[in-house]
Full PDB file with SEQRES, HELIX, SHEET, SSBOND, CRYST1, ORIGX, SCALE, CONECT and MASTER records, all heavy atoms in Angstrom:
SEQRES   1 A   35  LEU ALA GLY VAL SER GLY GLU VAL LEU THR ARG ILE GLY          
SEQRES   2 A   35  GLU HIS LEU LYS ASN GLU SER PRO PHE ARG ASP THR ILE          
SEQRES   3 A   35  MET ILE THR HIS ALA ASN GLY SER SER                          
HELIX    1 AA1 THR A   10  GLU A   19  1                                  10    
SHEET    1 AA1 2 ALA A   2  GLY A   3  0                                        
SHEET    2 AA1 2 MET A  27  ILE A  28  1                                        
CRYST1    1.000    1.000    1.000  90.00  90.00  90.00 P 1           1          
ORIGX1      1.000000  0.000000  0.000000        0.00000                         
ORIGX2      0.000000  1.000000  0.000000        0.00000                         
ORIGX3      0.000000  0.000000  1.000000        0.00000                         
SCALE1      1.000000  0.000000  0.000000        0.00000                         
SCALE2      0.000000  1.000000  0.000000        0.00000                         
SCALE3      0.000000  0.000000  1.000000        0.00000                         
ATOM      1  N   LEU A   1      74.418 290.542 278.887  1.00  0.00           N  
ATOM      2  CA  LEU A   1      74.441 289.423 277.956  1.00  0.00           C  
ATOM      3  C   LEU A   1      75.428 288.392 278.484  1.00  0.00           C  
ATOM      4  O   LEU A   1      76.581 288.720 278.763  1.00  0.00           O  
ATOM      5  CB  LEU A   1      74.869 289.884 276.562  1.00  0.00           C  
ATOM      6  CG  LEU A   1      74.019 290.983 275.932  1.00  0.00           C  
ATOM      7  CD1 LEU A   1      74.638 291.437 274.623  1.00  0.00           C  
ATOM      8  CD2 LEU A   1      72.600 290.503 275.718  1.00  0.00           C  
ATOM      9  N   ALA A   2      74.972 287.142 278.620  1.00  0.00           N  
ATOM     10  CA  ALA A   2      75.815 286.073 279.173  1.00  0.00           C  
ATOM     11  C   ALA A   2      75.944 284.965 278.139  1.00  0.00           C  
ATOM     12  O   ALA A   2      74.961 284.324 277.791  1.00  0.00           O  
ATOM     13  CB  ALA A   2      75.196 285.538 280.461  1.00  0.00           C  
ATOM     14  N   GLY A   3      77.155 284.730 277.638  1.00  0.00           N  
ATOM     15  CA  GLY A   3      77.383 283.738 276.596  1.00  0.00           C  
ATOM     16  C   GLY A   3      77.829 282.401 277.160  1.00  0.00           C  
ATOM     17  O   GLY A   3      78.670 282.336 278.059  1.00  0.00           O  
ATOM     18  N   VAL A   4      77.256 281.337 276.631  1.00  0.00           N  
ATOM     19  CA  VAL A   4      77.593 279.967 277.025  1.00  0.00           C  
ATOM     20  C   VAL A   4      77.807 279.170 275.743  1.00  0.00           C  
ATOM     21  O   VAL A   4      77.083 279.334 274.768  1.00  0.00           O  
ATOM     22  CB  VAL A   4      76.458 279.328 277.869  1.00  0.00           C  
ATOM     23  CG1 VAL A   4      76.801 277.921 278.270  1.00  0.00           C  
ATOM     24  CG2 VAL A   4      76.174 280.176 279.090  1.00  0.00           C  
ATOM     25  N   SER A   5      78.782 278.257 275.759  1.00  0.00           N  
ATOM     26  CA  SER A   5      79.182 277.581 274.527  1.00  0.00           C  
ATOM     27  C   SER A   5      78.387 276.331 274.180  1.00  0.00           C  
ATOM     28  O   SER A   5      78.792 275.574 273.317  1.00  0.00           O  
ATOM     29  CB  SER A   5      80.665 277.195 274.609  1.00  0.00           C  
ATOM     30  OG  SER A   5      80.834 276.142 275.535  1.00  0.00           O  
ATOM     31  N   GLY A   6      77.280 276.086 274.825  1.00  0.00           N  
ATOM     32  CA  GLY A   6      76.501 274.898 274.508  1.00  0.00           C  
ATOM     33  C   GLY A   6      75.029 275.219 274.402  1.00  0.00           C  
ATOM     34  O   GLY A   6      74.624 276.386 274.467  1.00  0.00           O  
ATOM     35  N   GLU A   7      74.225 274.174 274.231  1.00  0.00           N  
ATOM     36  CA  GLU A   7      72.774 274.335 274.186  1.00  0.00           C  
ATOM     37  C   GLU A   7      72.237 274.174 275.603  1.00  0.00           C  
ATOM     38  O   GLU A   7      72.083 273.075 276.117  1.00  0.00           O  
ATOM     39  CB  GLU A   7      72.129 273.312 273.254  1.00  0.00           C  
ATOM     40  CG  GLU A   7      70.663 273.569 273.070  1.00  0.00           C  
ATOM     41  CD  GLU A   7      70.065 272.783 271.918  1.00  0.00           C  
ATOM     42  OE1 GLU A   7      70.798 272.363 271.015  1.00  0.00           O  
ATOM     43  OE2 GLU A   7      68.839 272.592 271.943  1.00  0.00           O  
ATOM     44  N   VAL A   8      71.998 275.309 276.230  1.00  0.00           N  
ATOM     45  CA  VAL A   8      71.589 275.355 277.629  1.00  0.00           C  
ATOM     46  C   VAL A   8      70.092 275.092 277.722  1.00  0.00           C  
ATOM     47  O   VAL A   8      69.303 275.730 277.032  1.00  0.00           O  
ATOM     48  CB  VAL A   8      71.924 276.738 278.232  1.00  0.00           C  
ATOM     49  CG1 VAL A   8      71.472 276.825 279.666  1.00  0.00           C  
ATOM     50  CG2 VAL A   8      73.415 277.001 278.122  1.00  0.00           C  
ATOM     51  N   LEU A   9      69.725 274.165 278.598  1.00  0.00           N  
ATOM     52  CA  LEU A   9      68.305 273.910 278.800  1.00  0.00           C  
ATOM     53  C   LEU A   9      67.690 275.030 279.637  1.00  0.00           C  
ATOM     54  O   LEU A   9      68.385 275.746 280.358  1.00  0.00           O  
ATOM     55  CB  LEU A   9      68.082 272.539 279.437  1.00  0.00           C  
ATOM     56  CG  LEU A   9      68.039 271.387 278.396  1.00  0.00           C  
ATOM     57  CD1 LEU A   9      69.348 271.204 277.686  1.00  0.00           C  
ATOM     58  CD2 LEU A   9      67.579 270.107 279.018  1.00  0.00           C  
ATOM     59  N   THR A  10      66.402 275.190 279.536  1.00  0.00           N  
ATOM     60  CA  THR A  10      65.671 276.341 280.054  1.00  0.00           C  
ATOM     61  C   THR A  10      65.949 276.667 281.510  1.00  0.00           C  
ATOM     62  O   THR A  10      66.120 277.832 281.873  1.00  0.00           O  
ATOM     63  CB  THR A  10      64.154 276.109 279.866  1.00  0.00           C  
ATOM     64  OG1 THR A  10      63.906 275.900 278.479  1.00  0.00           O  
ATOM     65  CG2 THR A  10      63.340 277.285 280.350  1.00  0.00           C  
ATOM     66  N   ARG A  11      66.001 275.676 282.367  1.00  0.00           N  
ATOM     67  CA  ARG A  11      66.129 275.943 283.806  1.00  0.00           C  
ATOM     68  C   ARG A  11      67.414 276.681 284.166  1.00  0.00           C  
ATOM     69  O   ARG A  11      67.435 277.460 285.119  1.00  0.00           O  
ATOM     70  CB  ARG A  11      66.020 274.654 284.587  1.00  0.00           C  
ATOM     71  CG  ARG A  11      64.617 274.112 284.553  1.00  0.00           C  
ATOM     72  CD  ARG A  11      64.440 272.937 285.483  1.00  0.00           C  
ATOM     73  NE  ARG A  11      63.058 272.505 285.397  1.00  0.00           N  
ATOM     74  CZ  ARG A  11      62.695 271.254 285.238  1.00  0.00           C  
ATOM     75  NH1 ARG A  11      63.595 270.303 285.178  1.00  0.00           N  
ATOM     76  NH2 ARG A  11      61.418 270.941 285.165  1.00  0.00           N  
ATOM     77  N   ILE A  12      68.474 276.448 283.429  1.00  0.00           N  
ATOM     78  CA  ILE A  12      69.722 277.156 283.722  1.00  0.00           C  
ATOM     79  C   ILE A  12      69.560 278.641 283.393  1.00  0.00           C  
ATOM     80  O   ILE A  12      69.987 279.504 284.152  1.00  0.00           O  
ATOM     81  CB  ILE A  12      70.915 276.537 282.974  1.00  0.00           C  
ATOM     82  CG1 ILE A  12      71.157 275.103 283.461  1.00  0.00           C  
ATOM     83  CG2 ILE A  12      72.175 277.393 283.157  1.00  0.00           C  
ATOM     84  CD1 ILE A  12      72.263 274.370 282.733  1.00  0.00           C  
ATOM     85  N   GLY A  13      68.940 278.942 282.276  1.00  0.00           N  
ATOM     86  CA  GLY A  13      68.691 280.343 281.924  1.00  0.00           C  
ATOM     87  C   GLY A  13      67.798 281.026 282.940  1.00  0.00           C  
ATOM     88  O   GLY A  13      68.040 282.182 283.325  1.00  0.00           O  
ATOM     89  N   GLU A  14      66.767 280.323 283.403  1.00  0.00           N  
ATOM     90  CA  GLU A  14      65.876 280.886 284.422  1.00  0.00           C  
ATOM     91  C   GLU A  14      66.631 281.107 285.735  1.00  0.00           C  
ATOM     92  O   GLU A  14      66.432 282.127 286.401  1.00  0.00           O  
ATOM     93  CB  GLU A  14      64.690 279.962 284.646  1.00  0.00           C  
ATOM     94  CG  GLU A  14      63.734 279.926 283.479  1.00  0.00           C  
ATOM     95  CD  GLU A  14      62.670 278.839 283.612  1.00  0.00           C  
ATOM     96  OE1 GLU A  14      62.789 277.958 284.490  1.00  0.00           O  
ATOM     97  OE2 GLU A  14      61.706 278.888 282.827  1.00  0.00           O  
ATOM     98  N   HIS A  15      67.481 280.154 286.096  1.00  0.00           N  
ATOM     99  CA  HIS A  15      68.283 280.266 287.317  1.00  0.00           C  
ATOM    100  C   HIS A  15      69.156 281.525 287.247  1.00  0.00           C  
ATOM    101  O   HIS A  15      69.219 282.308 288.204  1.00  0.00           O  
ATOM    102  CB  HIS A  15      69.123 279.000 287.464  1.00  0.00           C  
ATOM    103  CG  HIS A  15      69.933 278.926 288.718  1.00  0.00           C  
ATOM    104  ND1 HIS A  15      70.643 277.804 289.055  1.00  0.00           N  
ATOM    105  CD2 HIS A  15      70.192 279.805 289.713  1.00  0.00           C  
ATOM    106  CE1 HIS A  15      71.279 277.995 290.185  1.00  0.00           C  
ATOM    107  NE2 HIS A  15      71.021 279.217 290.604  1.00  0.00           N  
ATOM    108  N   LEU A  16      69.835 281.719 286.122  1.00  0.00           N  
ATOM    109  CA  LEU A  16      70.687 282.894 285.962  1.00  0.00           C  
ATOM    110  C   LEU A  16      69.874 284.179 286.074  1.00  0.00           C  
ATOM    111  O   LEU A  16      70.261 285.107 286.783  1.00  0.00           O  
ATOM    112  CB  LEU A  16      71.432 282.857 284.626  1.00  0.00           C  
ATOM    113  CG  LEU A  16      72.307 284.079 284.357  1.00  0.00           C  
ATOM    114  CD1 LEU A  16      73.452 284.165 285.357  1.00  0.00           C  
ATOM    115  CD2 LEU A  16      72.820 284.073 282.936  1.00  0.00           C  
ATOM    116  N   LYS A  17      68.745 284.243 285.392  1.00  0.00           N  
ATOM    117  CA  LYS A  17      67.925 285.461 285.433  1.00  0.00           C  
ATOM    118  C   LYS A  17      67.444 285.760 286.848  1.00  0.00           C  
ATOM    119  O   LYS A  17      67.395 286.917 287.264  1.00  0.00           O  
ATOM    120  CB  LYS A  17      66.738 285.332 284.485  1.00  0.00           C  
ATOM    121  CG  LYS A  17      67.125 285.445 283.033  1.00  0.00           C  
ATOM    122  CD  LYS A  17      65.917 285.345 282.138  1.00  0.00           C  
ATOM    123  CE  LYS A  17      66.321 285.453 280.697  1.00  0.00           C  
ATOM    124  NZ  LYS A  17      65.175 285.519 279.804  1.00  0.00           N  
ATOM    125  N   ASN A  18      67.094 284.726 287.607  1.00  0.00           N  
ATOM    126  CA  ASN A  18      66.624 284.920 288.979  1.00  0.00           C  
ATOM    127  C   ASN A  18      67.723 285.426 289.907  1.00  0.00           C  
ATOM    128  O   ASN A  18      67.445 286.140 290.866  1.00  0.00           O  
ATOM    129  CB  ASN A  18      66.043 283.622 289.541  1.00  0.00           C  
ATOM    130  CG  ASN A  18      64.726 283.263 288.901  1.00  0.00           C  
ATOM    131  OD1 ASN A  18      64.008 284.121 288.408  1.00  0.00           O  
ATOM    132  ND2 ASN A  18      64.403 281.982 288.903  1.00  0.00           N  
ATOM    133  N   GLU A  19      68.968 285.055 289.646  1.00  0.00           N  
ATOM    134  CA  GLU A  19      70.089 285.424 290.508  1.00  0.00           C  
ATOM    135  C   GLU A  19      70.845 286.659 290.026  1.00  0.00           C  
ATOM    136  O   GLU A  19      71.643 287.224 290.764  1.00  0.00           O  
ATOM    137  CB  GLU A  19      71.078 284.254 290.613  1.00  0.00           C  
ATOM    138  CG  GLU A  19      70.500 282.994 291.213  1.00  0.00           C  
ATOM    139  CD  GLU A  19      70.164 283.142 292.693  1.00  0.00           C  
ATOM    140  OE1 GLU A  19      70.894 283.867 293.406  1.00  0.00           O  
ATOM    141  OE2 GLU A  19      69.169 282.547 293.124  1.00  0.00           O  
ATOM    142  N   SER A  20      70.604 287.070 288.804  1.00  0.00           N  
ATOM    143  CA  SER A  20      71.362 288.167 288.205  1.00  0.00           C  
ATOM    144  C   SER A  20      71.165 289.480 288.964  1.00  0.00           C  
ATOM    145  O   SER A  20      70.047 289.812 289.368  1.00  0.00           O  
ATOM    146  CB  SER A  20      70.933 288.370 286.757  1.00  0.00           C  
ATOM    147  OG  SER A  20      71.599 289.487 286.196  1.00  0.00           O  
ATOM    148  N   PRO A  21      72.247 290.243 289.141  1.00  0.00           N  
ATOM    149  CA  PRO A  21      72.119 291.561 289.761  1.00  0.00           C  
ATOM    150  C   PRO A  21      71.531 292.595 288.799  1.00  0.00           C  
ATOM    151  O   PRO A  21      71.260 293.722 289.203  1.00  0.00           O  
ATOM    152  CB  PRO A  21      73.561 291.922 290.139  1.00  0.00           C  
ATOM    153  CG  PRO A  21      74.400 291.172 289.168  1.00  0.00           C  
ATOM    154  CD  PRO A  21      73.649 289.897 288.873  1.00  0.00           C  
ATOM    155  N   PHE A  22      71.327 292.200 287.544  1.00  0.00           N  
ATOM    156  CA  PHE A  22      70.798 293.113 286.536  1.00  0.00           C  
ATOM    157  C   PHE A  22      69.359 292.747 286.195  1.00  0.00           C  
ATOM    158  O   PHE A  22      69.028 291.576 286.019  1.00  0.00           O  
ATOM    159  CB  PHE A  22      71.664 293.079 285.273  1.00  0.00           C  
ATOM    160  CG  PHE A  22      73.097 293.432 285.551  1.00  0.00           C  
ATOM    161  CD1 PHE A  22      74.065 292.449 285.620  1.00  0.00           C  
ATOM    162  CD2 PHE A  22      73.462 294.750 285.778  1.00  0.00           C  
ATOM    163  CE1 PHE A  22      75.388 292.762 285.898  1.00  0.00           C  
ATOM    164  CE2 PHE A  22      74.783 295.075 286.055  1.00  0.00           C  
ATOM    165  CZ  PHE A  22      75.746 294.083 286.114  1.00  0.00           C  
ATOM    166  N   ARG A  23      68.513 293.748 286.099  1.00  0.00           N  
ATOM    167  CA  ARG A  23      67.096 293.522 285.816  1.00  0.00           C  
ATOM    168  C   ARG A  23      66.894 292.801 284.482  1.00  0.00           C  
ATOM    169  O   ARG A  23      66.062 291.905 284.362  1.00  0.00           O  
ATOM    170  CB  ARG A  23      66.353 294.851 285.807  1.00  0.00           C  
ATOM    171  CG  ARG A  23      64.837 294.690 285.710  1.00  0.00           C  
ATOM    172  CD  ARG A  23      64.161 296.000 285.504  1.00  0.00           C  
ATOM    173  NE  ARG A  23      64.490 296.399 284.132  1.00  0.00           N  
ATOM    174  CZ  ARG A  23      64.272 297.577 283.620  1.00  0.00           C  
ATOM    175  NH1 ARG A  23      63.751 298.527 284.350  1.00  0.00           N  
ATOM    176  NH2 ARG A  23      64.599 297.861 282.374  1.00  0.00           N  
ATOM    177  N   ASP A  24      67.648 293.207 283.490  1.00  0.00           N  
ATOM    178  CA  ASP A  24      67.530 292.625 282.154  1.00  0.00           C  
ATOM    179  C   ASP A  24      68.765 291.780 281.856  1.00  0.00           C  
ATOM    180  O   ASP A  24      69.859 292.317 281.656  1.00  0.00           O  
ATOM    181  CB  ASP A  24      67.369 293.721 281.098  1.00  0.00           C  
ATOM    182  CG  ASP A  24      66.105 294.538 281.320  1.00  0.00           C  
ATOM    183  OD1 ASP A  24      65.046 293.929 281.579  1.00  0.00           O  
ATOM    184  OD2 ASP A  24      66.182 295.773 281.252  1.00  0.00           O  
ATOM    185  N   THR A  25      68.586 290.466 281.844  1.00  0.00           N  
ATOM    186  CA  THR A  25      69.685 289.527 281.599  1.00  0.00           C  
ATOM    187  C   THR A  25      69.262 288.562 280.502  1.00  0.00           C  
ATOM    188  O   THR A  25      68.175 287.979 280.574  1.00  0.00           O  
ATOM    189  CB  THR A  25      70.025 288.744 282.881  1.00  0.00           C  
ATOM    190  OG1 THR A  25      70.413 289.678 283.895  1.00  0.00           O  
ATOM    191  CG2 THR A  25      71.137 287.753 282.645  1.00  0.00           C  
ATOM    192  N   ILE A  26      70.113 288.401 279.521  1.00  0.00           N  
ATOM    193  CA  ILE A  26      69.840 287.485 278.409  1.00  0.00           C  
ATOM    194  C   ILE A  26      70.991 286.497 278.306  1.00  0.00           C  
ATOM    195  O   ILE A  26      72.160 286.890 278.255  1.00  0.00           O  
ATOM    196  CB  ILE A  26      69.701 288.258 277.076  1.00  0.00           C  
ATOM    197  CG1 ILE A  26      68.519 289.231 277.152  1.00  0.00           C  
ATOM    198  CG2 ILE A  26      69.553 287.289 275.910  1.00  0.00           C  
ATOM    199  CD1 ILE A  26      68.429 290.177 275.972  1.00  0.00           C  
ATOM    200  N   MET A  27      70.658 285.209 278.272  1.00  0.00           N  
ATOM    201  CA  MET A  27      71.672 284.182 278.069  1.00  0.00           C  
ATOM    202  C   MET A  27      71.743 283.874 276.579  1.00  0.00           C  
ATOM    203  O   MET A  27      70.729 283.570 275.949  1.00  0.00           O  
ATOM    204  CB  MET A  27      71.337 282.909 278.845  1.00  0.00           C  
ATOM    205  CG  MET A  27      72.388 281.830 278.659  1.00  0.00           C  
ATOM    206  SD  MET A  27      72.065 280.369 279.653  1.00  0.00           S  
ATOM    207  CE  MET A  27      72.729 280.908 281.221  1.00  0.00           C  
ATOM    208  N   ILE A  28      72.944 283.958 276.046  1.00  0.00           N  
ATOM    209  CA  ILE A  28      73.184 283.646 274.635  1.00  0.00           C  
ATOM    210  C   ILE A  28      73.857 282.277 274.591  1.00  0.00           C  
ATOM    211  O   ILE A  28      74.919 282.079 275.180  1.00  0.00           O  
ATOM    212  CB  ILE A  28      74.074 284.710 273.972  1.00  0.00           C  
ATOM    213  CG1 ILE A  28      73.389 286.076 274.076  1.00  0.00           C  
ATOM    214  CG2 ILE A  28      74.388 284.337 272.538  1.00  0.00           C  
ATOM    215  CD1 ILE A  28      74.273 287.225 273.692  1.00  0.00           C  
ATOM    216  N   THR A  29      73.241 281.344 273.907  1.00  0.00           N  
ATOM    217  CA  THR A  29      73.793 279.995 273.840  1.00  0.00           C  
ATOM    218  C   THR A  29      74.486 279.764 272.506  1.00  0.00           C  
ATOM    219  O   THR A  29      74.367 280.566 271.583  1.00  0.00           O  
ATOM    220  CB  THR A  29      72.697 278.935 274.054  1.00  0.00           C  
ATOM    221  OG1 THR A  29      71.758 279.010 272.975  1.00  0.00           O  
ATOM    222  CG2 THR A  29      71.981 279.157 275.373  1.00  0.00           C  
ATOM    223  N   HIS A  30      75.218 278.678 272.410  1.00  0.00           N  
ATOM    224  CA  HIS A  30      75.980 278.323 271.211  1.00  0.00           C  
ATOM    225  C   HIS A  30      77.040 279.370 270.891  1.00  0.00           C  
ATOM    226  O   HIS A  30      77.348 279.624 269.734  1.00  0.00           O  
ATOM    227  CB  HIS A  30      75.065 278.122 270.001  1.00  0.00           C  
ATOM    228  CG  HIS A  30      74.059 277.040 270.177  1.00  0.00           C  
ATOM    229  ND1 HIS A  30      72.842 277.256 270.777  1.00  0.00           N  
ATOM    230  CD2 HIS A  30      74.086 275.737 269.876  1.00  0.00           C  
ATOM    231  CE1 HIS A  30      72.163 276.129 270.805  1.00  0.00           C  
ATOM    232  NE2 HIS A  30      72.899 275.193 270.271  1.00  0.00           N  
ATOM    233  N   ALA A  31      77.594 280.010 271.926  1.00  0.00           N  
ATOM    234  CA  ALA A  31      78.607 281.047 271.733  1.00  0.00           C  
ATOM    235  C   ALA A  31      80.002 280.450 271.874  1.00  0.00           C  
ATOM    236  O   ALA A  31      80.263 279.703 272.802  1.00  0.00           O  
ATOM    237  CB  ALA A  31      78.405 282.157 272.768  1.00  0.00           C  
ATOM    238  N   ASN A  32      80.889 280.765 270.965  1.00  0.00           N  
ATOM    239  CA  ASN A  32      82.296 280.345 271.035  1.00  0.00           C  
ATOM    240  C   ASN A  32      82.481 278.836 271.064  1.00  0.00           C  
ATOM    241  O   ASN A  32      83.167 278.297 271.921  1.00  0.00           O  
ATOM    242  CB  ASN A  32      82.980 280.978 272.257  1.00  0.00           C  
ATOM    243  CG  ASN A  32      82.982 282.482 272.183  1.00  0.00           C  
ATOM    244  OD1 ASN A  32      83.110 283.045 271.111  1.00  0.00           O  
ATOM    245  ND2 ASN A  32      82.812 283.123 273.309  1.00  0.00           N  
ATOM    246  N   GLY A  33      81.890 278.142 270.151  1.00  0.00           N  
ATOM    247  CA  GLY A  33      82.055 276.690 270.112  1.00  0.00           C  
ATOM    248  C   GLY A  33      80.813 275.981 270.613  1.00  0.00           C  
ATOM    249  O   GLY A  33      79.754 276.572 270.700  1.00  0.00           O  
ATOM    250  N   SER A  34      80.950 274.722 270.958  1.00  0.00           N  
ATOM    251  CA  SER A  34      79.786 273.984 271.436  1.00  0.00           C  
ATOM    252  C   SER A  34      80.187 272.947 272.463  1.00  0.00           C  
ATOM    253  O   SER A  34      81.060 272.124 272.223  1.00  0.00           O  
ATOM    254  CB  SER A  34      79.068 273.292 270.283  1.00  0.00           C  
ATOM    255  OG  SER A  34      77.986 272.538 270.785  1.00  0.00           O  
ATOM    256  N   SER A  35      79.531 273.005 273.588  1.00  0.00           N  
ATOM    257  CA  SER A  35      79.723 272.003 274.640  1.00  0.00           C  
ATOM    258  C   SER A  35      78.614 270.971 274.599  1.00  0.00           C  
ATOM    259  O   SER A  35      78.484 270.175 275.518  1.00  0.00           O  
ATOM    260  CB  SER A  35      79.742 272.696 276.004  1.00  0.00           C  
ATOM    261  OG  SER A  35      80.802 273.609 276.062  1.00  0.00           O  
TER     262      SER A  35                                                      
MASTER        0    0    0    1    2    0    0    6  261    1    0    3          
END                                                                             
């Protein structure tokens, strides 16, 4: 689980999933404030 503090557009989440060393990766947005 990867938390980001803003509203991340789709391509960033896809980029992370493609590069992640883990098969199952979920990006959680709006975490800990808002950018």
